[in-house]
C-alpha cells in the first residue's frame, strides 16, 4: 500500500493502481467504466473518468479525482449550479459579464449561461489539463460552453 498525507489525513491506495498496466487492464475489463484522461500535476494525480451506474444504466456519469479524492461528479452538481444562481439573482440590469472561478466539468459556467442577462462569461482555470478536456470535447458540456 502507498501512503500519502494530505492536510493531516492519511490516504491508502494500492500502489499498483498507479501503474499503466492496471489502468489499461481496468479499462479493457469494465466497458461501463472508462478512464478518459490521467496525468500527474503539481496538485497530484488528476483523473477524469466516466462510468455507467447500475441504478442509471443509460447515462454516463463523469467524475474528477485528484489522488483518489473525488472533486466533482456530473451526477450531482447542485452546488455548482447554486454558486452561479445565488450570485446572479442578486444582480440587476442587463448585459452582464460574469467571471467564473474554475471550469471543472462546466456546470457553474453552464448555469450562468442560462441567465438571459448574461452576455459574456470569462472562466479562470488553474489547471491547463481541465481546459484541454473541453478543447477535446471529452466532457459533456464542452461544446455547449465553447460554441456559445
N, C-alpha and C. Protein backbone atom coordinates (compact mmCIF):
# COMPACT_ATOMS: atom_id res chain seq x y z
N UNK A 1 0.84 -1.18 0.00
CA UNK A 1 0.00 0.00 0.00
C UNK A 1 0.88 1.24 0.00
N UNK A 2 0.42 2.25 -0.69
CA UNK A 2 1.11 3.52 -0.75
C UNK A 2 0.39 4.48 0.20
N UNK A 3 1.13 5.14 1.06
CA UNK A 3 0.54 6.10 1.99
C UNK A 3 0.89 7.51 1.54
N UNK A 4 -0.09 8.37 1.55
CA UNK A 4 0.18 9.77 1.28
C UNK A 4 -0.58 10.60 2.31
N UNK A 5 0.04 11.68 2.73
CA UNK A 5 -0.60 12.53 3.73
C UNK A 5 -1.02 13.83 3.07
N UNK A 6 -2.29 14.16 3.21
CA UNK A 6 -2.83 15.39 2.65
C UNK A 6 -3.61 16.08 3.76
N UNK A 7 -3.20 17.28 4.12
CA UNK A 7 -3.85 18.08 5.16
C UNK A 7 -4.11 17.27 6.42
N UNK A 8 -3.12 16.46 6.82
CA UNK A 8 -3.22 15.72 8.05
C UNK A 8 -3.92 14.38 7.94
N UNK A 9 -4.57 14.09 6.82
CA UNK A 9 -5.26 12.81 6.65
C UNK A 9 -4.35 11.83 5.93
N UNK A 10 -4.45 10.59 6.26
CA UNK A 10 -3.67 9.55 5.59
C UNK A 10 -4.58 8.81 4.64
N UNK A 11 -4.17 8.76 3.37
CA UNK A 11 -4.95 8.07 2.33
C UNK A 11 -4.19 6.81 1.92
N UNK A 12 -4.88 5.70 1.90
CA UNK A 12 -4.26 4.45 1.48
C UNK A 12 -4.84 4.05 0.13
N UNK A 13 -3.98 3.66 -0.76
CA UNK A 13 -4.42 3.12 -2.04
C UNK A 13 -3.38 2.11 -2.48
N UNK A 14 -3.81 1.11 -3.20
CA UNK A 14 -2.85 0.12 -3.66
C UNK A 14 -1.84 0.77 -4.60
N UNK A 15 -0.58 0.46 -4.42
CA UNK A 15 0.45 1.07 -5.25
C UNK A 15 0.28 0.69 -6.72
N UNK A 16 -0.26 -0.50 -6.99
CA UNK A 16 -0.45 -0.94 -8.37
C UNK A 16 -1.53 -0.16 -9.09
N UNK A 17 -2.38 0.59 -8.37
CA UNK A 17 -3.44 1.38 -9.02
C UNK A 17 -2.86 2.51 -9.87
N UNK A 18 -1.61 2.89 -9.61
CA UNK A 18 -0.96 3.95 -10.40
C UNK A 18 -0.23 3.40 -11.62
N UNK A 19 -0.09 2.11 -11.73
CA UNK A 19 0.67 1.54 -12.83
C UNK A 19 -0.14 1.56 -14.13
N UNK A 20 0.50 1.91 -15.24
CA UNK A 20 -0.21 1.95 -16.53
C UNK A 20 -0.86 0.62 -16.90
N UNK A 21 -0.22 -0.51 -16.57
CA UNK A 21 -0.82 -1.80 -16.93
C UNK A 21 -2.14 -2.01 -16.21
N UNK A 22 -2.26 -1.53 -14.95
CA UNK A 22 -3.51 -1.68 -14.21
C UNK A 22 -4.61 -0.83 -14.84
N UNK A 23 -4.27 0.40 -15.21
CA UNK A 23 -5.28 1.26 -15.84
C UNK A 23 -5.72 0.66 -17.17
N UNK A 24 -4.81 0.12 -17.97
CA UNK A 24 -5.17 -0.50 -19.25
C UNK A 24 -6.04 -1.74 -19.02
N UNK A 25 -5.68 -2.56 -18.04
CA UNK A 25 -6.47 -3.75 -17.72
C UNK A 25 -7.87 -3.35 -17.26
N UNK A 26 -7.92 -2.36 -16.38
CA UNK A 26 -9.20 -1.93 -15.82
C UNK A 26 -10.11 -1.40 -16.92
N UNK A 27 -9.54 -0.64 -17.88
CA UNK A 27 -10.35 -0.12 -18.99
C UNK A 27 -10.87 -1.25 -19.86
N UNK A 28 -10.08 -2.27 -20.11
CA UNK A 28 -10.49 -3.33 -21.02
C UNK A 28 -11.50 -4.29 -20.38
N UNK A 29 -11.46 -4.46 -19.07
CA UNK A 29 -12.34 -5.40 -18.39
C UNK A 29 -13.71 -4.80 -18.11
N UNK A 30 -13.77 -3.52 -17.87
CA UNK A 30 -15.00 -2.86 -17.47
C UNK A 30 -15.45 -1.84 -18.52
N UNK A 31 -16.24 -2.27 -19.51
CA UNK A 31 -16.66 -1.31 -20.54
C UNK A 31 -17.58 -0.22 -20.00
N UNK A 32 -18.18 -0.45 -18.82
CA UNK A 32 -19.04 0.58 -18.25
C UNK A 32 -18.26 1.52 -17.33
N UNK A 33 -16.94 1.41 -17.34
CA UNK A 33 -16.07 2.23 -16.50
C UNK A 33 -14.87 2.62 -17.35
N UNK A 34 -14.74 3.88 -17.71
CA UNK A 34 -13.69 4.31 -18.63
C UNK A 34 -12.86 5.45 -18.05
N UNK A 35 -11.57 5.30 -18.14
CA UNK A 35 -10.65 6.38 -17.78
C UNK A 35 -10.44 7.22 -19.03
N UNK A 36 -10.82 8.49 -18.99
CA UNK A 36 -10.72 9.35 -20.16
C UNK A 36 -9.42 10.13 -20.21
N UNK A 37 -8.89 10.49 -19.04
CA UNK A 37 -7.62 11.22 -19.01
C UNK A 37 -6.98 11.01 -17.64
N UNK A 38 -5.67 10.93 -17.67
CA UNK A 38 -4.89 10.77 -16.44
C UNK A 38 -3.58 11.51 -16.63
N UNK A 39 -3.21 12.34 -15.66
CA UNK A 39 -1.91 12.98 -15.72
C UNK A 39 -1.47 13.37 -14.31
N UNK A 40 -0.17 13.51 -14.18
CA UNK A 40 0.39 13.95 -12.91
C UNK A 40 0.52 15.46 -12.97
N UNK A 41 0.03 16.13 -11.93
CA UNK A 41 0.11 17.58 -11.84
C UNK A 41 0.79 17.94 -10.53
N UNK A 42 1.04 19.22 -10.33
CA UNK A 42 1.66 19.64 -9.07
C UNK A 42 0.71 19.47 -7.89
N UNK A 43 -0.59 19.32 -8.16
CA UNK A 43 -1.56 19.08 -7.10
C UNK A 43 -1.77 17.60 -6.81
N UNK A 44 -1.26 16.74 -7.70
CA UNK A 44 -1.42 15.30 -7.55
C UNK A 44 -1.85 14.67 -8.86
N UNK A 45 -2.21 13.40 -8.79
CA UNK A 45 -2.63 12.67 -10.00
C UNK A 45 -4.08 13.03 -10.33
N UNK A 46 -4.26 13.66 -11.48
CA UNK A 46 -5.57 14.12 -11.93
C UNK A 46 -6.19 13.06 -12.83
N UNK A 47 -7.42 12.68 -12.50
CA UNK A 47 -8.11 11.63 -13.25
C UNK A 47 -9.50 12.11 -13.66
N UNK A 48 -9.80 11.94 -14.94
CA UNK A 48 -11.15 12.14 -15.45
C UNK A 48 -11.64 10.79 -15.92
N UNK A 49 -12.77 10.37 -15.40
CA UNK A 49 -13.32 9.08 -15.78
C UNK A 49 -14.82 9.19 -15.97
N UNK A 50 -15.38 8.18 -16.62
CA UNK A 50 -16.83 8.10 -16.72
C UNK A 50 -17.26 6.67 -16.46
N UNK A 51 -18.48 6.54 -15.95
CA UNK A 51 -18.99 5.21 -15.62
C UNK A 51 -20.50 5.19 -15.81
N UNK A 52 -21.02 4.00 -16.00
CA UNK A 52 -22.46 3.80 -16.08
C UNK A 52 -22.90 3.14 -14.78
N UNK A 53 -23.58 3.89 -13.92
CA UNK A 53 -24.03 3.30 -12.65
C UNK A 53 -25.10 2.23 -12.88
N UNK A 54 -25.14 1.25 -12.02
CA UNK A 54 -26.15 0.20 -12.12
C UNK A 54 -27.55 0.80 -12.02
N UNK A 55 -27.71 1.82 -11.19
CA UNK A 55 -29.02 2.43 -10.98
C UNK A 55 -29.46 3.32 -12.15
N UNK A 56 -28.50 3.77 -12.98
CA UNK A 56 -28.80 4.59 -14.16
C UNK A 56 -28.01 4.05 -15.36
N UNK A 57 -28.37 2.89 -15.89
CA UNK A 57 -27.54 2.27 -16.92
C UNK A 57 -27.52 3.00 -18.26
N UNK A 58 -28.41 3.95 -18.46
CA UNK A 58 -28.46 4.65 -19.74
C UNK A 58 -27.69 5.97 -19.77
N UNK A 59 -27.06 6.34 -18.67
CA UNK A 59 -26.31 7.59 -18.66
C UNK A 59 -24.85 7.35 -18.27
N UNK A 60 -24.01 8.25 -18.71
CA UNK A 60 -22.62 8.27 -18.28
C UNK A 60 -22.49 9.29 -17.16
N UNK A 61 -21.83 8.92 -16.10
CA UNK A 61 -21.52 9.83 -15.00
C UNK A 61 -20.03 10.15 -15.11
N UNK A 62 -19.71 11.43 -15.23
CA UNK A 62 -18.32 11.88 -15.32
C UNK A 62 -17.84 12.28 -13.94
N UNK A 63 -16.62 11.88 -13.61
CA UNK A 63 -16.06 12.15 -12.29
C UNK A 63 -14.63 12.66 -12.42
N UNK A 64 -14.29 13.59 -11.55
CA UNK A 64 -12.94 14.14 -11.48
C UNK A 64 -12.37 13.82 -10.11
N UNK A 65 -11.14 13.29 -10.11
CA UNK A 65 -10.46 12.95 -8.86
C UNK A 65 -9.04 13.48 -8.90
N UNK A 66 -8.52 13.82 -7.74
CA UNK A 66 -7.09 14.09 -7.57
C UNK A 66 -6.61 13.20 -6.44
N UNK A 67 -5.61 12.39 -6.74
CA UNK A 67 -5.05 11.45 -5.75
C UNK A 67 -6.14 10.65 -5.04
N UNK A 68 -7.04 10.07 -5.80
CA UNK A 68 -8.11 9.22 -5.27
C UNK A 68 -9.11 9.96 -4.38
N UNK A 69 -9.14 11.29 -4.45
CA UNK A 69 -10.14 12.08 -3.74
C UNK A 69 -11.11 12.65 -4.78
N UNK A 70 -12.39 12.43 -4.57
CA UNK A 70 -13.39 12.95 -5.50
C UNK A 70 -13.46 14.47 -5.41
N UNK A 71 -13.45 15.13 -6.56
CA UNK A 71 -13.62 16.58 -6.61
C UNK A 71 -15.01 16.95 -7.08
N UNK A 72 -15.49 16.26 -8.11
CA UNK A 72 -16.80 16.59 -8.66
C UNK A 72 -17.34 15.45 -9.50
N UNK A 73 -18.66 15.51 -9.71
CA UNK A 73 -19.35 14.49 -10.48
C UNK A 73 -20.45 15.16 -11.30
N UNK A 74 -20.71 14.63 -12.48
CA UNK A 74 -21.79 15.17 -13.30
C UNK A 74 -23.15 14.69 -12.80
N UNK A 75 -23.17 13.69 -11.94
CA UNK A 75 -24.43 13.19 -11.41
C UNK A 75 -25.03 14.15 -10.39
N UNK A 76 -24.18 14.73 -9.56
CA UNK A 76 -24.63 15.67 -8.53
C UNK A 76 -23.86 16.96 -8.71
N UNK A 77 -24.54 17.99 -9.21
CA UNK A 77 -23.87 19.27 -9.43
C UNK A 77 -24.72 20.43 -8.91
N UNK A 78 -25.53 20.16 -7.90
CA UNK A 78 -26.38 21.20 -7.31
C UNK A 78 -25.58 22.36 -6.75
N UNK A 79 -24.45 22.08 -6.11
CA UNK A 79 -23.67 23.17 -5.52
C UNK A 79 -23.05 24.06 -6.60
N UNK A 80 -22.64 23.46 -7.72
CA UNK A 80 -22.09 24.26 -8.82
C UNK A 80 -23.16 25.16 -9.42
N UNK A 81 -24.37 24.62 -9.61
CA UNK A 81 -25.48 25.42 -10.13
C UNK A 81 -25.84 26.54 -9.16
N UNK A 82 -25.91 26.21 -7.87
CA UNK A 82 -26.27 27.20 -6.86
C UNK A 82 -25.24 28.32 -6.77
N UNK A 83 -23.98 27.99 -6.99
CA UNK A 83 -22.93 29.01 -6.94
C UNK A 83 -23.23 30.12 -7.94
N UNK A 84 -23.60 29.76 -9.14
CA UNK A 84 -23.93 30.77 -10.16
C UNK A 84 -25.27 31.43 -9.85
N UNK A 85 -26.27 30.64 -9.57
CA UNK A 85 -27.62 31.19 -9.40
C UNK A 85 -27.75 32.11 -8.19
N UNK A 86 -27.15 31.75 -7.07
CA UNK A 86 -27.24 32.60 -5.88
C UNK A 86 -26.53 33.94 -6.09
N UNK A 87 -25.46 33.93 -6.83
CA UNK A 87 -24.75 35.18 -7.11
C UNK A 87 -25.52 36.03 -8.11
N UNK A 88 -26.01 35.42 -9.17
CA UNK A 88 -26.65 36.20 -10.24
C UNK A 88 -28.03 36.72 -9.87
N UNK A 89 -28.72 36.04 -8.98
CA UNK A 89 -30.06 36.50 -8.63
C UNK A 89 -30.03 37.82 -7.84
N UNK A 90 -28.88 38.22 -7.38
CA UNK A 90 -28.74 39.48 -6.63
C UNK A 90 -28.50 40.68 -7.55
N UNK A 91 -28.22 40.41 -8.82
CA UNK A 91 -27.87 41.49 -9.75
C UNK A 91 -29.11 42.08 -10.40
N UNK A 92 -28.94 43.30 -10.89
CA UNK A 92 -30.00 43.97 -11.63
C UNK A 92 -29.42 44.44 -12.96
N UNK A 93 -30.30 44.80 -13.88
CA UNK A 93 -29.85 45.35 -15.14
C UNK A 93 -29.71 44.28 -16.22
N UNK A 94 -29.01 44.67 -17.27
CA UNK A 94 -28.83 43.80 -18.45
C UNK A 94 -27.34 43.74 -18.81
N UNK A 95 -27.05 42.93 -19.79
CA UNK A 95 -25.70 42.82 -20.37
C UNK A 95 -24.62 42.56 -19.33
N UNK A 96 -24.82 41.50 -18.57
CA UNK A 96 -23.86 41.15 -17.53
C UNK A 96 -22.65 40.46 -18.14
N UNK A 97 -21.50 40.72 -17.56
CA UNK A 97 -20.28 39.97 -17.86
C UNK A 97 -19.91 39.25 -16.57
N UNK A 98 -19.83 37.93 -16.64
CA UNK A 98 -19.68 37.09 -15.45
C UNK A 98 -18.29 36.46 -15.44
N UNK A 99 -17.69 36.41 -14.26
CA UNK A 99 -16.42 35.72 -14.06
C UNK A 99 -16.68 34.45 -13.24
N UNK A 100 -16.27 33.31 -13.77
CA UNK A 100 -16.42 32.03 -13.08
C UNK A 100 -15.02 31.55 -12.69
N UNK A 101 -14.84 31.25 -11.42
CA UNK A 101 -13.56 30.74 -10.94
C UNK A 101 -13.56 29.23 -10.95
N UNK A 102 -12.89 28.64 -11.92
CA UNK A 102 -12.80 27.19 -12.05
C UNK A 102 -13.74 26.65 -13.10
N UNK A 103 -13.21 25.90 -14.03
CA UNK A 103 -14.02 25.34 -15.12
C UNK A 103 -14.57 23.97 -14.76
N UNK A 104 -13.73 23.09 -14.26
CA UNK A 104 -14.18 21.75 -13.89
C UNK A 104 -14.93 21.07 -15.01
N UNK A 105 -16.08 20.50 -14.70
CA UNK A 105 -16.93 19.87 -15.71
C UNK A 105 -17.82 20.89 -16.42
N UNK A 106 -17.83 22.13 -15.96
CA UNK A 106 -18.52 23.20 -16.65
C UNK A 106 -19.90 23.55 -16.13
N UNK A 107 -20.31 22.97 -15.02
CA UNK A 107 -21.68 23.19 -14.55
C UNK A 107 -21.94 24.61 -14.04
N UNK A 108 -20.98 25.23 -13.39
CA UNK A 108 -21.19 26.61 -12.91
C UNK A 108 -21.30 27.56 -14.10
N UNK A 109 -20.42 27.42 -15.07
CA UNK A 109 -20.49 28.27 -16.26
C UNK A 109 -21.79 28.04 -17.03
N UNK A 110 -22.22 26.79 -17.14
CA UNK A 110 -23.47 26.48 -17.85
C UNK A 110 -24.67 27.07 -17.13
N UNK A 111 -24.66 27.03 -15.80
CA UNK A 111 -25.76 27.63 -15.03
C UNK A 111 -25.81 29.14 -15.25
N UNK A 112 -24.64 29.77 -15.33
CA UNK A 112 -24.60 31.21 -15.58
C UNK A 112 -25.09 31.52 -16.99
N UNK A 113 -24.76 30.68 -17.95
CA UNK A 113 -25.20 30.89 -19.33
C UNK A 113 -26.72 30.85 -19.47
N UNK A 114 -27.39 30.18 -18.57
CA UNK A 114 -28.85 30.04 -18.64
C UNK A 114 -29.57 31.36 -18.36
N UNK A 115 -28.89 32.31 -17.77
CA UNK A 115 -29.49 33.61 -17.46
C UNK A 115 -29.48 34.48 -18.71
N UNK A 116 -30.64 34.98 -19.11
CA UNK A 116 -30.74 35.78 -20.35
C UNK A 116 -29.96 37.09 -20.26
N UNK A 117 -29.72 37.59 -19.05
CA UNK A 117 -29.00 38.84 -18.88
C UNK A 117 -27.49 38.69 -19.11
N UNK A 118 -27.00 37.47 -19.07
CA UNK A 118 -25.56 37.22 -19.23
C UNK A 118 -25.18 37.33 -20.70
N UNK A 119 -24.30 38.27 -20.99
CA UNK A 119 -23.84 38.48 -22.36
C UNK A 119 -22.45 37.89 -22.60
N UNK A 120 -21.67 37.75 -21.54
CA UNK A 120 -20.31 37.20 -21.68
C UNK A 120 -19.92 36.51 -20.38
N UNK A 121 -19.16 35.43 -20.53
CA UNK A 121 -18.64 34.69 -19.38
C UNK A 121 -17.15 34.50 -19.57
N UNK A 122 -16.39 34.87 -18.56
CA UNK A 122 -14.95 34.61 -18.53
C UNK A 122 -14.72 33.54 -17.46
N UNK A 123 -13.92 32.56 -17.80
CA UNK A 123 -13.62 31.48 -16.86
C UNK A 123 -12.13 31.47 -16.57
N UNK A 124 -11.78 31.43 -15.29
CA UNK A 124 -10.39 31.33 -14.87
C UNK A 124 -10.19 29.91 -14.37
N UNK A 125 -9.27 29.18 -14.99
CA UNK A 125 -8.99 27.80 -14.60
C UNK A 125 -7.50 27.65 -14.34
N UNK A 126 -7.17 27.07 -13.20
CA UNK A 126 -5.78 26.89 -12.77
C UNK A 126 -5.06 25.79 -13.55
N UNK A 127 -5.80 24.73 -13.89
CA UNK A 127 -5.16 23.54 -14.48
C UNK A 127 -5.39 23.49 -15.99
N UNK A 128 -4.32 23.59 -16.78
CA UNK A 128 -4.47 23.53 -18.24
C UNK A 128 -5.06 22.20 -18.72
N UNK A 129 -4.89 21.15 -17.94
CA UNK A 129 -5.45 19.85 -18.31
C UNK A 129 -6.98 19.90 -18.37
N UNK A 130 -7.59 20.66 -17.47
CA UNK A 130 -9.04 20.79 -17.45
C UNK A 130 -9.52 21.55 -18.68
N UNK A 131 -8.81 22.58 -19.06
CA UNK A 131 -9.15 23.32 -20.28
C UNK A 131 -9.03 22.38 -21.48
N UNK A 132 -8.01 21.54 -21.47
CA UNK A 132 -7.81 20.58 -22.56
C UNK A 132 -8.98 19.61 -22.70
N UNK A 133 -9.60 19.19 -21.59
CA UNK A 133 -10.77 18.31 -21.67
C UNK A 133 -11.87 18.96 -22.49
N UNK A 134 -12.07 20.25 -22.28
CA UNK A 134 -13.12 20.97 -23.01
C UNK A 134 -12.72 21.19 -24.46
N UNK A 135 -11.45 21.43 -24.71
CA UNK A 135 -10.97 21.60 -26.07
C UNK A 135 -11.15 20.32 -26.88
N UNK A 136 -10.91 19.18 -26.23
CA UNK A 136 -11.01 17.87 -26.91
C UNK A 136 -12.42 17.28 -26.86
N UNK A 137 -13.38 17.98 -26.26
CA UNK A 137 -14.77 17.50 -26.17
C UNK A 137 -14.91 16.18 -25.44
N UNK A 138 -14.17 15.97 -24.38
CA UNK A 138 -14.31 14.70 -23.65
C UNK A 138 -15.14 14.85 -22.38
N UNK A 139 -15.68 16.04 -22.15
CA UNK A 139 -16.65 16.25 -21.07
C UNK A 139 -17.96 16.71 -21.71
N UNK A 140 -19.10 16.36 -21.12
CA UNK A 140 -20.39 16.59 -21.78
C UNK A 140 -20.74 18.04 -22.12
N UNK A 141 -20.35 19.00 -21.32
CA UNK A 141 -20.73 20.39 -21.57
C UNK A 141 -19.73 21.16 -22.43
N UNK A 142 -18.71 20.50 -22.91
CA UNK A 142 -17.63 21.19 -23.63
C UNK A 142 -18.13 21.98 -24.83
N UNK A 143 -18.87 21.35 -25.71
CA UNK A 143 -19.31 22.05 -26.92
C UNK A 143 -20.32 23.15 -26.59
N UNK A 144 -21.16 22.94 -25.61
CA UNK A 144 -22.13 23.95 -25.19
C UNK A 144 -21.41 25.21 -24.72
N UNK A 145 -20.39 25.04 -23.90
CA UNK A 145 -19.67 26.19 -23.36
C UNK A 145 -18.79 26.85 -24.40
N UNK A 146 -18.16 26.06 -25.23
CA UNK A 146 -17.22 26.60 -26.20
C UNK A 146 -17.93 27.29 -27.37
N UNK A 147 -19.04 26.72 -27.83
CA UNK A 147 -19.68 27.22 -29.04
C UNK A 147 -20.64 28.37 -28.81
N UNK A 148 -21.00 28.63 -27.57
CA UNK A 148 -21.96 29.71 -27.32
C UNK A 148 -21.27 31.03 -27.07
